Amino acid sequence: MISPQRATVEGIELARTFRPDVILMDIGLPEMNGHETARRIRDQPGGKNILLIAVPGYGQEEDRRRSLDAGFDYHLVKPLNFAELKNKLSELRAVPEKPRRFLTRAKTR
């Protein structure tokens, strides 16, 4: 488990060592925001192969654009719709190699 006070530093390190397939991340984090965290994960070896999903509490078009510009593949809005997440992950599983910004045109609440 990652401590809330060190979520970004520990999360970046875990992404480097564990190399998960998917990371769901808030934007409003205590040490650095989720946009900077996403950039740092993307800059690591293997970071471009991780599916990064922003899960903030806001979802205006500008918020979505900033998430995509920071390196997130998708922007979902809290409260998280688990059925939507499951559907999107199923869609991605059907794609042999995850293209960047595969889900950028998707509409959410």
C-alpha atoms as a PDB file:
ATOM      1  CA  MET A   1       0.000   0.000   0.000  1.00  0.00           C
ATOM      2  CA  ILE A   2       1.205   3.487  -0.830  1.00  0.00           C
ATOM      3  CA  SER A   3       0.985   6.102   1.909  1.00  0.00           C
ATOM      4  CA  PRO A   4      -1.107   9.144   0.927  1.00  0.00           C
ATOM      5  CA  GLN A   5       1.685  11.520   1.982  1.00  0.00           C
ATOM      6  CA  ARG A   6       4.189   9.895  -0.398  1.00  0.00           C
ATOM      7  CA  ALA A   7       1.830   8.680  -3.113  1.00  0.00           C
ATOM      8  CA  THR A   8       3.633  10.291  -6.014  1.00  0.00           C
ATOM      9  CA  VAL A   9       7.229   9.390  -5.114  1.00  0.00           C
ATOM     10  CA  GLU A  10       6.329   5.843  -4.098  1.00  0.00           C
ATOM     11  CA  GLY A  11       3.997   5.465  -7.073  1.00  0.00           C
ATOM     12  CA  ILE A  12       6.679   6.523  -9.562  1.00  0.00           C
ATOM     13  CA  GLU A  13       9.137   4.072  -8.013  1.00  0.00           C
ATOM     14  CA  LEU A  14       6.573   1.256  -7.989  1.00  0.00           C
ATOM     15  CA  ALA A  15       5.745   1.924 -11.639  1.00  0.00           C
ATOM     16  CA  ARG A  16       9.457   1.582 -12.446  1.00  0.00           C
ATOM     17  CA  THR A  17      10.066  -1.610 -10.493  1.00  0.00           C
ATOM     18  CA  PHE A  18       6.700  -3.396 -10.711  1.00  0.00           C
ATOM     19  CA  ARG A  19       5.717  -2.243 -14.241  1.00  0.00           C
ATOM     20  CA  PRO A  20       1.933  -2.608 -13.911  1.00  0.00           C
ATOM     21  CA  ASP A  21      -0.299  -2.868 -16.960  1.00  0.00           C
ATOM     22  CA  VAL A  22      -2.663  -0.154 -15.671  1.00  0.00           C
ATOM     23  CA  ILE A  23      -2.434   2.731 -13.191  1.00  0.00           C
ATOM     24  CA  LEU A  24      -5.503   4.648 -11.989  1.00  0.00           C
ATOM     25  CA  MET A  25      -4.423   7.990 -10.543  1.00  0.00           C
ATOM     26  CA  ASP A  26      -6.010  11.043  -8.997  1.00  0.00           C
ATOM     27  CA  ILE A  27      -4.777  14.452 -10.131  1.00  0.00           C
ATOM     28  CA  GLY A  28      -4.836  16.279  -6.776  1.00  0.00           C
ATOM     29  CA  LEU A  29      -1.980  14.515  -4.994  1.00  0.00           C
ATOM     30  CA  PRO A  30      -0.068  15.926  -1.986  1.00  0.00           C
ATOM     31  CA  GLU A  31       3.560  16.013  -3.182  1.00  0.00           C
ATOM     32  CA  MET A  32       3.114  16.772  -6.878  1.00  0.00           C
ATOM     33  CA  ASN A  33       0.025  16.742  -9.039  1.00  0.00           C
ATOM     34  CA  GLY A  34      -0.994  13.723 -11.081  1.00  0.00           C
ATOM     35  CA  HIS A  35      -0.030  15.425 -14.333  1.00  0.00           C
ATOM     36  CA  GLU A  36       3.613  15.717 -13.281  1.00  0.00           C
ATOM     37  CA  THR A  37       3.515  12.196 -11.858  1.00  0.00           C
ATOM     38  CA  ALA A  38       2.224  10.869 -15.200  1.00  0.00           C
ATOM     39  CA  ARG A  39       5.006  12.704 -17.067  1.00  0.00           C
ATOM     40  CA  ARG A  40       7.636  11.177 -14.806  1.00  0.00           C
ATOM     41  CA  ILE A  41       6.190   7.689 -15.190  1.00  0.00           C
ATOM     42  CA  ARG A  42       6.147   8.110 -18.981  1.00  0.00           C
ATOM     43  CA  ASP A  43       9.809   9.193 -18.926  1.00  0.00           C
ATOM     44  CA  GLN A  44      10.938   5.994 -17.178  1.00  0.00           C
ATOM     45  CA  PRO A  45      11.997   2.857 -19.059  1.00  0.00           C
ATOM     46  CA  GLY A  46       8.778   0.954 -19.811  1.00  0.00           C
ATOM     47  CA  GLY A  47       6.620   3.904 -18.755  1.00  0.00           C
ATOM     48  CA  LYS A  48       5.168   4.381 -22.201  1.00  0.00           C
ATOM     49  CA  ASN A  49       3.719   0.850 -22.081  1.00  0.00           C
ATOM     50  CA  ILE A  50       1.597   1.438 -18.966  1.00  0.00           C
ATOM     51  CA  LEU A  51      -2.043   2.391 -19.421  1.00  0.00           C
ATOM     52  CA  LEU A  52      -2.471   5.567 -17.343  1.00  0.00           C
ATOM     53  CA  ILE A  53      -6.012   6.539 -16.388  1.00  0.00           C
ATOM     54  CA  ALA A  54      -6.669   9.859 -14.666  1.00  0.00           C
ATOM     55  CA  VAL A  55      -9.472   9.672 -12.071  1.00  0.00           C
ATOM     56  CA  PRO A  56      -9.986  13.209 -10.749  1.00  0.00           C
ATOM     57  CA  GLY A  57     -13.117  14.789  -9.393  1.00  0.00           C
ATOM     58  CA  TYR A  58     -13.427  17.191 -12.320  1.00  0.00           C
ATOM     59  CA  GLY A  59     -14.147  16.590 -15.968  1.00  0.00           C
ATOM     60  CA  GLN A  60     -14.437  19.742 -18.038  1.00  0.00           C
ATOM     61  CA  GLU A  61     -12.986  19.567 -21.546  1.00  0.00           C
ATOM     62  CA  GLU A  62      -9.915  21.553 -20.408  1.00  0.00           C
ATOM     63  CA  ASP A  63      -9.339  19.063 -17.554  1.00  0.00           C
ATOM     64  CA  ARG A  64      -9.459  16.159 -20.015  1.00  0.00           C
ATOM     65  CA  ARG A  65      -7.090  17.906 -22.411  1.00  0.00           C
ATOM     66  CA  ARG A  66      -4.573  18.600 -19.654  1.00  0.00           C
ATOM     67  CA  SER A  67      -4.663  14.941 -18.602  1.00  0.00           C
ATOM     68  CA  LEU A  68      -4.072  13.735 -22.152  1.00  0.00           C
ATOM     69  CA  ASP A  69      -1.303  16.293 -22.681  1.00  0.00           C
ATOM     70  CA  ALA A  70       0.398  15.062 -19.493  1.00  0.00           C
ATOM     71  CA  GLY A  71       0.498  11.509 -20.834  1.00  0.00           C
ATOM     72  CA  PHE A  72      -2.673   9.921 -19.515  1.00  0.00           C
ATOM     73  CA  ASP A  73      -4.419   7.587 -21.934  1.00  0.00           C
ATOM     74  CA  TYR A  74      -7.869   8.266 -20.545  1.00  0.00           C
ATOM     75  CA  HIS A  75      -9.695  10.586 -18.174  1.00  0.00           C
ATOM     76  CA  LEU A  76     -12.541   9.199 -16.042  1.00  0.00           C
ATOM     77  CA  VAL A  77     -14.360  11.333 -13.491  1.00  0.00           C
ATOM     78  CA  LYS A  78     -15.182  10.446  -9.887  1.00  0.00           C
ATOM     79  CA  PRO A  79     -17.267   8.779  -8.762  1.00  0.00           C
ATOM     80  CA  LEU A  80     -15.702   6.047 -10.879  1.00  0.00           C
ATOM     81  CA  ASN A  81     -18.139   4.049 -12.984  1.00  0.00           C
ATOM     82  CA  PHE A  82     -16.709   0.533 -12.646  1.00  0.00           C
ATOM     83  CA  ALA A  83     -18.814  -0.848 -15.503  1.00  0.00           C
ATOM     84  CA  GLU A  84     -17.365   1.818 -17.820  1.00  0.00           C
ATOM     85  CA  LEU A  85     -13.840   1.054 -16.604  1.00  0.00           C
ATOM     86  CA  LYS A  86     -14.355  -2.666 -17.171  1.00  0.00           C
ATOM     87  CA  ASN A  87     -15.667  -2.023 -20.691  1.00  0.00           C
ATOM     88  CA  LYS A  88     -12.726   0.214 -21.595  1.00  0.00           C
ATOM     89  CA  LEU A  89     -10.199  -2.298 -20.251  1.00  0.00           C
ATOM     90  CA  SER A  90     -11.930  -5.060 -22.233  1.00  0.00           C
ATOM     91  CA  GLU A  91     -11.691  -2.946 -25.385  1.00  0.00           C
ATOM     92  CA  LEU A  92      -7.986  -2.427 -24.807  1.00  0.00           C
ATOM     93  CA  ARG A  93      -7.378  -6.127 -24.227  1.00  0.00           C
ATOM     94  CA  ALA A  94      -8.674  -6.736 -27.761  1.00  0.00           C
ATOM     95  CA  VAL A  95      -5.991  -4.416 -29.199  1.00  0.00           C
ATOM     96  CA  PRO A  96      -2.670  -6.281 -29.696  1.00  0.00           C
ATOM     97  CA  GLU A  97      -0.486  -3.267 -28.951  1.00  0.00           C
ATOM     98  CA  LYS A  98      -1.902  -0.322 -27.019  1.00  0.00           C
ATOM     99  CA  PRO A  99      -1.712   2.777 -29.212  1.00  0.00           C
ATOM    100  CA  ARG A 100      -1.224   6.033 -27.313  1.00  0.00           C
ATOM    101  CA  ARG A 101      -4.416   8.004 -26.814  1.00  0.00           C
ATOM    102  CA  PHE A 102      -6.545   5.029 -27.868  1.00  0.00           C
ATOM    103  CA  LEU A 103      -9.447   6.307 -25.779  1.00  0.00           C
ATOM    104  CA  THR A 104      -9.134  10.066 -26.191  1.00  0.00           C
ATOM    105  CA  ARG A 105     -12.392  10.450 -28.096  1.00  0.00           C
ATOM    106  CA  ALA A 106     -14.459   8.593 -25.496  1.00  0.00           C
ATOM    107  CA  LYS A 107     -17.114  10.586 -23.689  1.00  0.00           C
ATOM    108  CA  THR A 108     -17.673  10.288 -19.954  1.00  0.00           C
ATOM    109  CA  ARG A 109     -20.053  12.047 -17.615  1.00  0.00           C
END
